[in-house]
Every structure is written in structure tokens, then in C-alpha cells.
Amino acid sequence: MHNYKQLEKEKHNVEIEVKKLEIKNEELEKENKRLYDFIINIFQTLKKLFHRLFKIGTEKYKDDVITEIKEYHKQEIYDNKDLHDIADHTSKENEISDYLYSNNYDYKNDKA
């Protein structure tokens, strides 16, 4: 009888611990989503900045932006549509198109 009560108490303690962990998990999932959304917003804001630099920046800045966005593209942070959004109606539009659609480009990444 004593063992049964002890087992019941342990079971109850485990149930409480599981509930605490479930609550903590929910909190972490919410925080993860908030941070993910924040990062996405940063990259969307960067797209606008990069586009503006293509419009008004020096050739050095434009070359730096090309390097940066190609790297983001390779890391799959930006897709083809993002690169088009950045370069459309700028002096670098053709360079980005050449990058995206050259023979050396892996077309499986084409989402435009």
C-alpha cells in the first residue's frame, strides 16, 4: 500500500512537470515565431534599402549590393523574385537577370 501511494505521488509530480514543460514549450514557440517574423521584416526592409542603393548609390555601393544579394540568394534567404524586386528598373537589372538565368545557374532555385 505504501508503494502505491508513493507511485501515485511520483506520477502526480511527473504530470505537473510535464505541464510546466508544455507551457514553457508554448512560450518558446511564440518567442521563436516573433523572432522569425522580426528577421523576415529585417530582410524585407533590406530589400528596399538595396533597391534604393541601386537607384542612388555609387557604383561601389551598387557592386557591394550585388555581392550581398547574391550571397543571400545562395543561402536561400532571397529567392529570384526578391532579386528581381531589388533590381527592377535600376541600372543593375540586367546584371541580376544575367546572374539568375545564365547557363551556370541552377534552375531548381528559380521561383520567379
PDB file of N, CA and C in Angstrom:
ATOM      1  N   MET A   1       0.824  -1.197   0.000  1.00  0.00           N
ATOM      2  CA  MET A   1       0.000   0.000   0.000  1.00  0.00           C
ATOM      3  C   MET A   1       0.864   1.256   0.000  1.00  0.00           C
ATOM      4  N   HIS A   2       1.915   1.216   0.757  1.00  0.00           N
ATOM      5  CA  HIS A   2       2.831   2.352   0.834  1.00  0.00           C
ATOM      6  C   HIS A   2       3.457   2.637  -0.534  1.00  0.00           C
ATOM      7  N   ASN A   3       3.832   1.606  -1.261  1.00  0.00           N
ATOM      8  CA  ASN A   3       4.440   1.755  -2.575  1.00  0.00           C
ATOM      9  C   ASN A   3       3.455   2.385  -3.567  1.00  0.00           C
ATOM     10  N   TYR A   4       2.200   1.994  -3.441  1.00  0.00           N
ATOM     11  CA  TYR A   4       1.196   2.541  -4.340  1.00  0.00           C
ATOM     12  C   TYR A   4       1.053   4.048  -4.148  1.00  0.00           C
ATOM     13  N   LYS A   5       0.992   4.512  -2.921  1.00  0.00           N
ATOM     14  CA  LYS A   5       0.874   5.939  -2.633  1.00  0.00           C
ATOM     15  C   LYS A   5       2.106   6.694  -3.121  1.00  0.00           C
ATOM     16  N   GLN A   6       3.239   6.088  -2.953  1.00  0.00           N
ATOM     17  CA  GLN A   6       4.478   6.711  -3.405  1.00  0.00           C
ATOM     18  C   GLN A   6       4.477   6.826  -4.945  1.00  0.00           C
ATOM     19  N   LEU A   7       4.014   5.775  -5.599  1.00  0.00           N
ATOM     20  CA  LEU A   7       3.938   5.806  -7.057  1.00  0.00           C
ATOM     21  C   LEU A   7       2.929   6.856  -7.542  1.00  0.00           C
ATOM     22  N   GLU A   8       1.819   6.957  -6.852  1.00  0.00           N
ATOM     23  CA  GLU A   8       0.818   7.959  -7.200  1.00  0.00           C
ATOM     24  C   GLU A   8       1.389   9.370  -7.031  1.00  0.00           C
ATOM     25  N   LYS A   9       2.129   9.590  -5.984  1.00  0.00           N
ATOM     26  CA  LYS A   9       2.742  10.894  -5.744  1.00  0.00           C
ATOM     27  C   LYS A   9       3.768  11.201  -6.836  1.00  0.00           C
ATOM     28  N   GLU A  10       4.584  10.227  -7.182  1.00  0.00           N
ATOM     29  CA  GLU A  10       5.568  10.418  -8.244  1.00  0.00           C
ATOM     30  C   GLU A  10       4.872  10.703  -9.576  1.00  0.00           C
ATOM     31  N   LYS A  11       3.805   9.977  -9.843  1.00  0.00           N
ATOM     32  CA  LYS A  11       3.046  10.198 -11.070  1.00  0.00           C
ATOM     33  C   LYS A  11       2.501  11.619 -11.105  1.00  0.00           C
ATOM     34  N   HIS A  12       1.959  12.059 -10.017  1.00  0.00           N
ATOM     35  CA  HIS A  12       1.423  13.414  -9.921  1.00  0.00           C
ATOM     36  C   HIS A  12       2.534  14.452 -10.156  1.00  0.00           C
ATOM     37  N   ASN A  13       3.680  14.243  -9.555  1.00  0.00           N
ATOM     38  CA  ASN A  13       4.809  15.158  -9.732  1.00  0.00           C
ATOM     39  C   ASN A  13       5.273  15.198 -11.194  1.00  0.00           C
ATOM     40  N   VAL A  14       5.285  14.047 -11.831  1.00  0.00           N
ATOM     41  CA  VAL A  14       5.664  13.975 -13.246  1.00  0.00           C
ATOM     42  C   VAL A  14       4.630  14.712 -14.093  1.00  0.00           C
ATOM     43  N   GLU A  15       3.357  14.546 -13.790  1.00  0.00           N
ATOM     44  CA  GLU A  15       2.314  15.241 -14.539  1.00  0.00           C
ATOM     45  C   GLU A  15       2.456  16.755 -14.405  1.00  0.00           C
ATOM     46  N   ILE A  16       2.778  17.210 -13.225  1.00  0.00           N
ATOM     47  CA  ILE A  16       2.987  18.645 -13.004  1.00  0.00           C
ATOM     48  C   ILE A  16       4.196  19.126 -13.818  1.00  0.00           C
ATOM     49  N   GLU A  17       5.251  18.362 -13.792  1.00  0.00           N
ATOM     50  CA  GLU A  17       6.466  18.717 -14.542  1.00  0.00           C
ATOM     51  C   GLU A  17       6.184  18.742 -16.047  1.00  0.00           C
ATOM     52  N   VAL A  18       5.431  17.779 -16.529  1.00  0.00           N
ATOM     53  CA  VAL A  18       5.068  17.749 -17.946  1.00  0.00           C
ATOM     54  C   VAL A  18       4.268  19.003 -18.304  1.00  0.00           C
ATOM     55  N   LYS A  19       3.326  19.377 -17.458  1.00  0.00           N
ATOM     56  CA  LYS A  19       2.509  20.569 -17.708  1.00  0.00           C
ATOM     57  C   LYS A  19       3.385  21.825 -17.755  1.00  0.00           C
ATOM     58  N   LYS A  20       4.326  21.930 -16.839  1.00  0.00           N
ATOM     59  CA  LYS A  20       5.247  23.073 -16.828  1.00  0.00           C
ATOM     60  C   LYS A  20       6.066  23.111 -18.125  1.00  0.00           C
ATOM     61  N   LEU A  21       6.526  21.954 -18.547  1.00  0.00           N
ATOM     62  CA  LEU A  21       7.317  21.887 -19.778  1.00  0.00           C
ATOM     63  C   LEU A  21       6.477  22.228 -21.003  1.00  0.00           C
ATOM     64  N   GLU A  22       5.220  21.813 -21.006  1.00  0.00           N
ATOM     65  CA  GLU A  22       4.338  22.160 -22.117  1.00  0.00           C
ATOM     66  C   GLU A  22       4.132  23.673 -22.195  1.00  0.00           C
ATOM     67  N   ILE A  23       3.940  24.298 -21.061  1.00  0.00           N
ATOM     68  CA  ILE A  23       3.764  25.750 -21.010  1.00  0.00           C
ATOM     69  C   ILE A  23       5.037  26.448 -21.481  1.00  0.00           C
ATOM     70  N   LYS A  24       6.174  25.989 -21.008  1.00  0.00           N
ATOM     71  CA  LYS A  24       7.457  26.565 -21.423  1.00  0.00           C
ATOM     72  C   LYS A  24       7.662  26.386 -22.927  1.00  0.00           C
ATOM     73  N   ASN A  25       7.302  25.229 -23.448  1.00  0.00           N
ATOM     74  CA  ASN A  25       7.418  24.970 -24.877  1.00  0.00           C
ATOM     75  C   ASN A  25       6.558  25.941 -25.685  1.00  0.00           C
ATOM     76  N   GLU A  26       5.336  26.173 -25.234  1.00  0.00           N
ATOM     77  CA  GLU A  26       4.451  27.123 -25.904  1.00  0.00           C
ATOM     78  C   GLU A  26       5.056  28.517 -25.904  1.00  0.00           C
ATOM     79  N   GLU A  27       5.628  28.924 -24.772  1.00  0.00           N
ATOM     80  CA  GLU A  27       6.273  30.232 -24.679  1.00  0.00           C
ATOM     81  C   GLU A  27       7.446  30.332 -25.652  1.00  0.00           C
ATOM     82  N   LEU A  28       8.242  29.274 -25.731  1.00  0.00           N
ATOM     83  CA  LEU A  28       9.394  29.267 -26.629  1.00  0.00           C
ATOM     84  C   LEU A  28       8.958  29.285 -28.092  1.00  0.00           C
ATOM     85  N   GLU A  29       7.888  28.574 -28.411  1.00  0.00           N
ATOM     86  CA  GLU A  29       7.374  28.592 -29.779  1.00  0.00           C
ATOM     87  C   GLU A  29       6.888  29.986 -30.166  1.00  0.00           C
ATOM     88  N   LYS A  30       6.217  30.666 -29.253  1.00  0.00           N
ATOM     89  CA  LYS A  30       5.758  32.039 -29.513  1.00  0.00           C
ATOM     90  C   LYS A  30       6.948  32.966 -29.710  1.00  0.00           C
ATOM     91  N   GLU A  31       7.948  32.833 -28.874  1.00  0.00           N
ATOM     92  CA  GLU A  31       9.152  33.664 -28.984  1.00  0.00           C
ATOM     93  C   GLU A  31       9.881  33.370 -30.291  1.00  0.00           C
ATOM     94  N   ASN A  32       9.962  32.117 -30.664  1.00  0.00           N
ATOM     95  CA  ASN A  32      10.600  31.731 -31.918  1.00  0.00           C
ATOM     96  C   ASN A  32       9.870  32.356 -33.107  1.00  0.00           C
ATOM     97  N   LYS A  33       8.549  32.311 -33.092  1.00  0.00           N
ATOM     98  CA  LYS A  33       7.761  32.911 -34.173  1.00  0.00           C
ATOM     99  C   LYS A  33       7.964  34.412 -34.223  1.00  0.00           C
ATOM    100  N   ARG A  34       7.984  35.049 -33.071  1.00  0.00           N
ATOM    101  CA  ARG A  34       8.197  36.500 -33.014  1.00  0.00           C
ATOM    102  C   ARG A  34       9.563  36.858 -33.604  1.00  0.00           C
ATOM    103  N   LEU A  35      10.590  36.116 -33.222  1.00  0.00           N
ATOM    104  CA  LEU A  35      11.928  36.381 -33.747  1.00  0.00           C
ATOM    105  C   LEU A  35      12.021  36.094 -35.238  1.00  0.00           C
ATOM    106  N   TYR A  36      11.390  35.023 -35.682  1.00  0.00           N
ATOM    107  CA  TYR A  36      11.371  34.694 -37.102  1.00  0.00           C
ATOM    108  C   TYR A  36      10.711  35.824 -37.893  1.00  0.00           C
ATOM    109  N   ASP A  37       9.563  36.281 -37.438  1.00  0.00           N
ATOM    110  CA  ASP A  37       8.863  37.370 -38.118  1.00  0.00           C
ATOM    111  C   ASP A  37       9.715  38.639 -38.134  1.00  0.00           C
ATOM    112  N   PHE A  38      10.408  38.903 -37.048  1.00  0.00           N
ATOM    113  CA  PHE A  38      11.282  40.071 -36.961  1.00  0.00           C
ATOM    114  C   PHE A  38      12.408  39.977 -37.996  1.00  0.00           C
ATOM    115  N   ILE A  39      13.011  38.814 -38.115  1.00  0.00           N
ATOM    116  CA  ILE A  39      14.098  38.616 -39.087  1.00  0.00           C
ATOM    117  C   ILE A  39      13.574  38.773 -40.511  1.00  0.00           C
ATOM    118  N   ILE A  40      12.412  38.212 -40.790  1.00  0.00           N
ATOM    119  CA  ILE A  40      11.809  38.358 -42.118  1.00  0.00           C
ATOM    120  C   ILE A  40      11.588  39.837 -42.425  1.00  0.00           C
ATOM    121  N   ASN A  41      11.089  40.581 -41.457  1.00  0.00           N
ATOM    122  CA  ASN A  41      10.876  42.021 -41.654  1.00  0.00           C
ATOM    123  C   ASN A  41      12.181  42.747 -41.934  1.00  0.00           C
ATOM    124  N   ILE A  42      13.246  42.352 -41.243  1.00  0.00           N
ATOM    125  CA  ILE A  42      14.559  42.972 -41.489  1.00  0.00           C
ATOM    126  C   ILE A  42      14.989  42.734 -42.931  1.00  0.00           C
ATOM    127  N   PHE A  43      14.859  41.496 -43.420  1.00  0.00           N
ATOM    128  CA  PHE A  43      15.270  41.203 -44.784  1.00  0.00           C
ATOM    129  C   PHE A  43      14.378  41.905 -45.811  1.00  0.00           C
ATOM    130  N   GLN A  44      13.110  42.096 -45.499  1.00  0.00           N
ATOM    131  CA  GLN A  44      12.240  42.848 -46.408  1.00  0.00           C
ATOM    132  C   GLN A  44      12.640  44.327 -46.424  1.00  0.00           C
ATOM    133  N   THR A  45      13.001  44.860 -45.283  1.00  0.00           N
ATOM    134  CA  THR A  45      13.470  46.239 -45.211  1.00  0.00           C
ATOM    135  C   THR A  45      14.793  46.396 -45.953  1.00  0.00           C
ATOM    136  N   LEU A  46      15.661  45.409 -45.818  1.00  0.00           N
ATOM    137  CA  LEU A  46      16.924  45.437 -46.553  1.00  0.00           C
ATOM    138  C   LEU A  46      16.688  45.443 -48.063  1.00  0.00           C
ATOM    139  N   LYS A  47      15.679  44.701 -48.522  1.00  0.00           N
ATOM    140  CA  LYS A  47      15.357  44.713 -49.948  1.00  0.00           C
ATOM    141  C   LYS A  47      15.092  46.139 -50.422  1.00  0.00           C
ATOM    142  N   LYS A  48      14.316  46.875 -49.658  1.00  0.00           N
ATOM    143  CA  LYS A  48      14.000  48.258 -50.023  1.00  0.00           C
ATOM    144  C   LYS A  48      15.263  49.122 -50.020  1.00  0.00           C
ATOM    145  N   LEU A  49      16.107  48.918 -49.028  1.00  0.00           N
ATOM    146  CA  LEU A  49      17.360  49.670 -48.955  1.00  0.00           C
ATOM    147  C   LEU A  49      18.264  49.332 -50.140  1.00  0.00           C
ATOM    148  N   PHE A  50      18.380  48.044 -50.450  1.00  0.00           N
ATOM    149  CA  PHE A  50      19.209  47.637 -51.585  1.00  0.00           C
ATOM    150  C   PHE A  50      18.680  48.249 -52.890  1.00  0.00           C
ATOM    151  N   HIS A  51      17.363  48.225 -53.055  1.00  0.00           N
ATOM    152  CA  HIS A  51      16.767  48.814 -54.260  1.00  0.00           C
ATOM    153  C   HIS A  51      17.115  50.304 -54.336  1.00  0.00           C
ATOM    154  N   ARG A  52      17.000  50.973 -53.215  1.00  0.00           N
ATOM    155  CA  ARG A  52      17.314  52.411 -53.175  1.00  0.00           C
ATOM    156  C   ARG A  52      18.786  52.651 -53.498  1.00  0.00           C
ATOM    157  N   LEU A  53      19.670  51.815 -52.984  1.00  0.00           N
ATOM    158  CA  LEU A  53      21.092  51.965 -53.296  1.00  0.00           C
ATOM    159  C   LEU A  53      21.349  51.756 -54.786  1.00  0.00           C
ATOM    160  N   PHE A  54      20.619  50.827 -55.402  1.00  0.00           N
ATOM    161  CA  PHE A  54      20.736  50.650 -56.853  1.00  0.00           C
ATOM    162  C   PHE A  54      20.277  51.904 -57.598  1.00  0.00           C
ATOM    163  N   LYS A  55      19.334  52.621 -57.033  1.00  0.00           N
ATOM    164  CA  LYS A  55      18.810  53.826 -57.672  1.00  0.00           C
ATOM    165  C   LYS A  55      19.740  55.027 -57.489  1.00  0.00           C
ATOM    166  N   ILE A  56      20.291  55.201 -56.279  1.00  0.00           N
ATOM    167  CA  ILE A  56      21.008  56.452 -55.996  1.00  0.00           C
ATOM    168  C   ILE A  56      22.461  56.250 -55.555  1.00  0.00           C
ATOM    169  N   GLY A  57      22.872  55.012 -55.333  1.00  0.00           N
ATOM    170  CA  GLY A  57      24.207  54.765 -54.807  1.00  0.00           C
ATOM    171  C   GLY A  57      25.307  54.909 -55.843  1.00  0.00           C
ATOM    172  N   THR A  58      26.520  54.983 -55.362  1.00  0.00           N
ATOM    173  CA  THR A  58      27.686  54.998 -56.237  1.00  0.00           C
ATOM    174  C   THR A  58      27.880  53.609 -56.830  1.00  0.00           C
ATOM    175  N   GLU A  59      28.695  53.512 -57.850  1.00  0.00           N
ATOM    176  CA  GLU A  59      28.968  52.209 -58.457  1.00  0.00           C
ATOM    177  C   GLU A  59      29.571  51.250 -57.427  1.00  0.00           C
ATOM    178  N   LYS A  60      30.398  51.761 -56.527  1.00  0.00           N
ATOM    179  CA  LYS A  60      30.995  50.929 -55.472  1.00  0.00           C
ATOM    180  C   LYS A  60      29.895  50.347 -54.592  1.00  0.00           C
ATOM    181  N   TYR A  61      28.947  51.179 -54.156  1.00  0.00           N
ATOM    182  CA  TYR A  61      27.833  50.685 -53.336  1.00  0.00           C
ATOM    183  C   TYR A  61      27.004  49.659 -54.107  1.00  0.00           C
ATOM    184  N   LYS A  62      26.759  49.943 -55.373  1.00  0.00           N
ATOM    185  CA  LYS A  62      25.968  49.023 -56.192  1.00  0.00           C
ATOM    186  C   LYS A  62      26.672  47.674 -56.325  1.00  0.00           C
ATOM    187  N   ASP A  63      27.983  47.696 -56.531  1.00  0.00           N
ATOM    188  CA  ASP A  63      28.739  46.445 -56.613  1.00  0.00           C
ATOM    189  C   ASP A  63      28.693  45.686 -55.291  1.00  0.00           C
ATOM    190  N   ASP A  64      28.773  46.425 -54.190  1.00  0.00           N
ATOM    191  CA  ASP A  64      28.668  45.788 -52.868  1.00  0.00           C
ATOM    192  C   ASP A  64      27.296  45.144 -52.679  1.00  0.00           C
ATOM    193  N   VAL A  65      26.251  45.819 -53.133  1.00  0.00           N
ATOM    194  CA  VAL A  65      24.893  45.280 -53.019  1.00  0.00           C
ATOM    195  C   VAL A  65      24.764  44.018 -53.864  1.00  0.00           C
ATOM    196  N   ILE A  66      25.308  44.037 -55.068  1.00  0.00           N
ATOM    197  CA  ILE A  66      25.273  42.842 -55.932  1.00  0.00           C
ATOM    198  C   ILE A  66      25.889  41.658 -55.191  1.00  0.00           C
ATOM    199  N   THR A  67      27.055  41.869 -54.622  1.00  0.00           N
ATOM    200  CA  THR A  67      27.738  40.798 -53.882  1.00  0.00           C
ATOM    201  C   THR A  67      26.876  40.309 -52.728  1.00  0.00           C
ATOM    202  N   GLU A  68      26.305  41.233 -51.997  1.00  0.00           N
ATOM    203  CA  GLU A  68      25.493  40.897 -50.822  1.00  0.00           C
ATOM    204  C   GLU A  68      24.239  40.105 -51.203  1.00  0.00           C
ATOM    205  N   ILE A  69      23.516  40.586 -52.193  1.00  0.00           N
ATOM    206  CA  ILE A  69      22.260  39.904 -52.519  1.00  0.00           C
ATOM    207  C   ILE A  69      22.512  38.552 -53.193  1.00  0.00           C
ATOM    208  N   LYS A  70      23.617  38.427 -53.909  1.00  0.00           N
ATOM    209  CA  LYS A  70      23.953  37.113 -54.472  1.00  0.00           C
ATOM    210  C   LYS A  70      24.216  36.114 -53.342  1.00  0.00           C
ATOM    211  N   GLU A  71      24.884  36.582 -52.301  1.00  0.00           N
ATOM    212  CA  GLU A  71      25.159  35.710 -51.157  1.00  0.00           C
ATOM    213  C   GLU A  71      23.858  35.312 -50.456  1.00  0.00           C
ATOM    214  N   TYR A  72      22.955  36.260 -50.255  1.00  0.00           N
ATOM    215  CA  TYR A  72      21.656  35.947 -49.648  1.00  0.00           C
ATOM    216  C   TYR A  72      20.883  34.962 -50.525  1.00  0.00           C
ATOM    217  N   HIS A  73      21.009  35.115 -51.819  1.00  0.00           N
ATOM    218  CA  HIS A  73      20.340  34.210 -52.752  1.00  0.00           C
ATOM    219  C   HIS A  73      20.919  32.801 -52.628  1.00  0.00           C
ATOM    220  N   LYS A  74      22.218  32.693 -52.577  1.00  0.00           N
ATOM    221  CA  LYS A  74      22.862  31.383 -52.441  1.00  0.00           C
ATOM    222  C   LYS A  74      22.460  30.706 -51.132  1.00  0.00           C
ATOM    223  N   GLN A  75      22.252  31.503 -50.099  1.00  0.00           N
ATOM    224  CA  GLN A  75      21.850  30.966 -48.795  1.00  0.00           C
ATOM    225  C   GLN A  75      20.335  30.756 -48.713  1.00  0.00           C
ATOM    226  N   GLU A  76      19.634  31.050 -49.802  1.00  0.00           N
ATOM    227  CA  GLU A  76      18.179  30.901 -49.896  1.00  0.00           C
ATOM    228  C   GLU A  76      17.425  31.810 -48.929  1.00  0.00           C
ATOM    229  N   ILE A  77      18.038  32.935 -48.609  1.00  0.00           N
ATOM    230  CA  ILE A  77      17.345  33.964 -47.830  1.00  0.00           C
ATOM    231  C   ILE A  77      16.453  34.769 -48.767  1.00  0.00           C
ATOM    232  N   TYR A  78      16.994  35.073 -49.949  1.00  0.00           N
ATOM    233  CA  TYR A  78      16.226  35.720 -51.004  1.00  0.00           C
ATOM    234  C   TYR A  78      16.047  34.733 -52.151  1.00  0.00           C
ATOM    235  N   ASP A  79      14.861  34.757 -52.762  1.00  0.00           N
ATOM    236  CA  ASP A  79      14.629  33.940 -53.953  1.00  0.00           C
ATOM    237  C   ASP A  79      14.725  34.835 -55.190  1.00  0.00           C
ATOM    238  N   ASN A  80      14.456  34.263 -56.355  1.00  0.00           N
ATOM    239  CA  ASN A  80      14.575  35.026 -57.602  1.00  0.00           C
ATOM    240  C   ASN A  80      13.674  36.253 -57.604  1.00  0.00           C
ATOM    241  N   LYS A  81      12.457  36.099 -57.109  1.00  0.00           N
ATOM    242  CA  LYS A  81      11.530  37.235 -57.074  1.00  0.00           C
ATOM    243  C   LYS A  81      12.103  38.369 -56.235  1.00  0.00           C
ATOM    244  N   ASP A  82      12.712  38.034 -55.120  1.00  0.00           N
ATOM    245  CA  ASP A  82      13.316  39.058 -54.272  1.00  0.00           C
ATOM    246  C   ASP A  82      14.398  39.821 -55.033  1.00  0.00           C
ATOM    247  N   LEU A  83      15.259  39.089 -55.748  1.00  0.00           N
ATOM    248  CA  LEU A  83      16.315  39.749 -56.504  1.00  0.00           C
ATOM    249  C   LEU A  83      15.746  40.625 -57.608  1.00  0.00           C
ATOM    250  N   HIS A  84      14.676  40.152 -58.246  1.00  0.00           N
ATOM    251  CA  HIS A  84      14.019  40.994 -59.251  1.00  0.00           C
ATOM    252  C   HIS A  84      13.418  42.236 -58.594  1.00  0.00           C
ATOM    253  N   ASP A  85      12.786  42.085 -57.460  1.00  0.00           N
ATOM    254  CA  ASP A  85      12.214  43.238 -56.747  1.00  0.00           C
ATOM    255  C   ASP A  85      13.296  44.270 -56.432  1.00  0.00           C
ATOM    256  N   ILE A  86      14.448  43.800 -56.043  1.00  0.00           N
ATOM    257  CA  ILE A  86      15.547  44.704 -55.691  1.00  0.00           C
ATOM    258  C   ILE A  86      16.073  45.430 -56.931  1.00  0.00           C
ATOM    259  N   ALA A  87      16.234  44.716 -58.023  1.00  0.00           N
ATOM    260  CA  ALA A  87      16.928  45.266 -59.192  1.00  0.00           C
ATOM    261  C   ALA A  87      16.012  45.891 -60.250  1.00  0.00           C
ATOM    262  N   ASP A  88      14.720  45.592 -60.209  1.00  0.00           N
ATOM    263  CA  ASP A  88      13.825  46.101 -61.255  1.00  0.00           C
ATOM    264  C   ASP A  88      13.926  47.619 -61.398  1.00  0.00           C
ATOM    265  N   HIS A  89      13.993  48.052 -62.673  1.00  0.00           N
ATOM    266  CA  HIS A  89      14.032  49.476 -63.028  1.00  0.00           C
ATOM    267  C   HIS A  89      15.253  50.186 -62.452  1.00  0.00           C
ATOM    268  N   THR A  90      16.371  49.469 -62.348  1.00  0.00           N
ATOM    269  CA  THR A  90      17.633  50.069 -61.923  1.00  0.00           C
ATOM    270  C   THR A  90      18.699  49.733 -62.958  1.00  0.00           C
ATOM    271  N   SER A  91      19.857  50.337 -62.788  1.00  0.00           N
ATOM    272  CA  SER A  91      20.966  50.083 -63.710  1.00  0.00           C
ATOM    273  C   SER A  91      21.532  48.672 -63.556  1.00  0.00           C
ATOM    274  N   LYS A  92      21.161  47.980 -62.507  1.00  0.00           N
ATOM    275  CA  LYS A  92      21.685  46.629 -62.255  1.00  0.00           C
ATOM    276  C   LYS A  92      20.688  45.530 -62.617  1.00  0.00           C
ATOM    277  N   GLU A  93      19.575  45.897 -63.204  1.00  0.00           N
ATOM    278  CA  GLU A  93      18.541  44.921 -63.562  1.00  0.00           C
ATOM    279  C   GLU A  93      19.094  43.839 -64.496  1.00  0.00           C
ATOM    280  N   ASN A  94      19.821  44.230 -65.531  1.00  0.00           N
ATOM    281  CA  ASN A  94      20.367  43.248 -66.474  1.00  0.00           C
ATOM    282  C   ASN A  94      21.410  42.350 -65.809  1.00  0.00           C
ATOM    283  N   GLU A  95      22.219  42.916 -64.952  1.00  0.00           N
ATOM    284  CA  GLU A  95      23.239  42.118 -64.269  1.00  0.00           C
ATOM    285  C   GLU A  95      22.597  41.042 -63.385  1.00  0.00           C
ATOM    286  N   ILE A  96      21.536  41.399 -62.699  1.00  0.00           N
ATOM    287  CA  ILE A  96      20.832  40.418 -61.863  1.00  0.00           C
ATOM    288  C   ILE A  96      20.174  39.361 -62.744  1.00  0.00           C
ATOM    289  N   SER A  97      19.559  39.770 -63.833  1.00  0.00           N
ATOM    290  CA  SER A  97      18.945  38.790 -64.742  1.00  0.00           C
ATOM    291  C   SER A  97      19.995  37.846 -65.303  1.00  0.00           C
ATOM    292  N   ASP A  98      21.150  38.390 -65.680  1.00  0.00           N
ATOM    293  CA  ASP A  98      22.238  37.541 -66.182  1.00  0.00           C
ATOM    294  C   ASP A  98      22.665  36.542 -65.116  1.00  0.00           C
ATOM    295  N   TYR A  99      22.769  37.010 -63.891  1.00  0.00           N
ATOM    296  CA  TYR A  99      23.147  36.119 -62.781  1.00  0.00           C
ATOM    297  C   TYR A  99      22.111  35.003 -62.618  1.00  0.00           C
ATOM    298  N   LEU A 100      20.853  35.367 -62.629  1.00  0.00           N
ATOM    299  CA  LEU A 100      19.798  34.389 -62.367  1.00  0.00           C
ATOM    300  C   LEU A 100      19.601  33.394 -63.500  1.00  0.00           C
ATOM    301  N   TYR A 101      19.808  33.827 -64.726  1.00  0.00           N
ATOM    302  CA  TYR A 101      19.441  32.980 -65.855  1.00  0.00           C
ATOM    303  C   TYR A 101      20.610  32.573 -66.741  1.00  0.00           C
ATOM    304  N   SER A 102      21.813  32.712 -66.241  1.00  0.00           N
ATOM    305  CA  SER A 102      22.976  32.263 -67.007  1.00  0.00           C
ATOM    306  C   SER A 102      23.027  30.734 -67.019  1.00  0.00           C
ATOM    307  N   ASN A 103      23.823  30.165 -67.896  1.00  0.00           N
ATOM    308  CA  ASN A 103      23.962  28.708 -68.005  1.00  0.00           C
ATOM    309  C   ASN A 103      24.534  28.085 -66.743  1.00  0.00           C
ATOM    310  N   ASN A 104      25.230  28.862 -65.958  1.00  0.00           N
ATOM    311  CA  ASN A 104      25.844  28.339 -64.734  1.00  0.00           C
ATOM    312  C   ASN A 104      24.872  28.296 -63.561  1.00  0.00           C
ATOM    313  N   TYR A 105      23.698  28.852 -63.761  1.00  0.00           N
ATOM    314  CA  TYR A 105      22.734  28.949 -62.674  1.00  0.00           C
ATOM    315  C   TYR A 105      21.933  27.664 -62.547  1.00  0.00           C
ATOM    316  N   ASP A 106      21.678  27.258 -61.332  1.00  0.00           N
ATOM    317  CA  ASP A 106      20.899  26.058 -61.035  1.00  0.00           C
ATOM    318  C   ASP A 106      19.414  26.433 -61.047  1.00  0.00           C
ATOM    319  N   TYR A 107      18.688  26.031 -62.113  1.00  0.00           N
ATOM    320  CA  TYR A 107      17.300  26.444 -62.296  1.00  0.00           C
ATOM    321  C   TYR A 107      16.338  25.864 -61.271  1.00  0.00           C
ATOM    322  N   LYS A 108      16.735  24.908 -60.481  1.00  0.00           N
ATOM    323  CA  LYS A 108      15.817  24.373 -59.463  1.00  0.00           C
ATOM    324  C   LYS A 108      15.481  25.439 -58.433  1.00  0.00           C
ATOM    325  N   ASN A 109      16.313  26.469 -58.309  1.00  0.00           N
ATOM    326  CA  ASN A 109      16.071  27.549 -57.356  1.00  0.00           C
ATOM    327  C   ASN A 109      15.193  28.643 -57.937  1.00  0.00           C
ATOM    328  N   ASP A 110      14.811  28.511 -59.200  1.00  0.00           N
ATOM    329  CA  ASP A 110      14.040  29.555 -59.862  1.00  0.00           C
ATOM    330  C   ASP A 110      12.610  29.570 -59.332  1.00  0.00           C
ATOM    331  N   LYS A 111      12.277  30.663 -58.637  1.00  0.00           N
ATOM    332  CA  LYS A 111      10.934  30.805 -58.082  1.00  0.00           C
ATOM    333  C   LYS A 111      10.257  32.040 -58.649  1.00  0.00           C
ATOM    334  N   ALA A 112      10.869  32.636 -59.655  1.00  0.00           N
ATOM    335  CA  ALA A 112      10.309  33.879 -60.219  1.00  0.00           C
ATOM    336  C   ALA A 112       9.105  33.597 -61.074  1.00  0.00           C
TER     337      ALA A 112
END
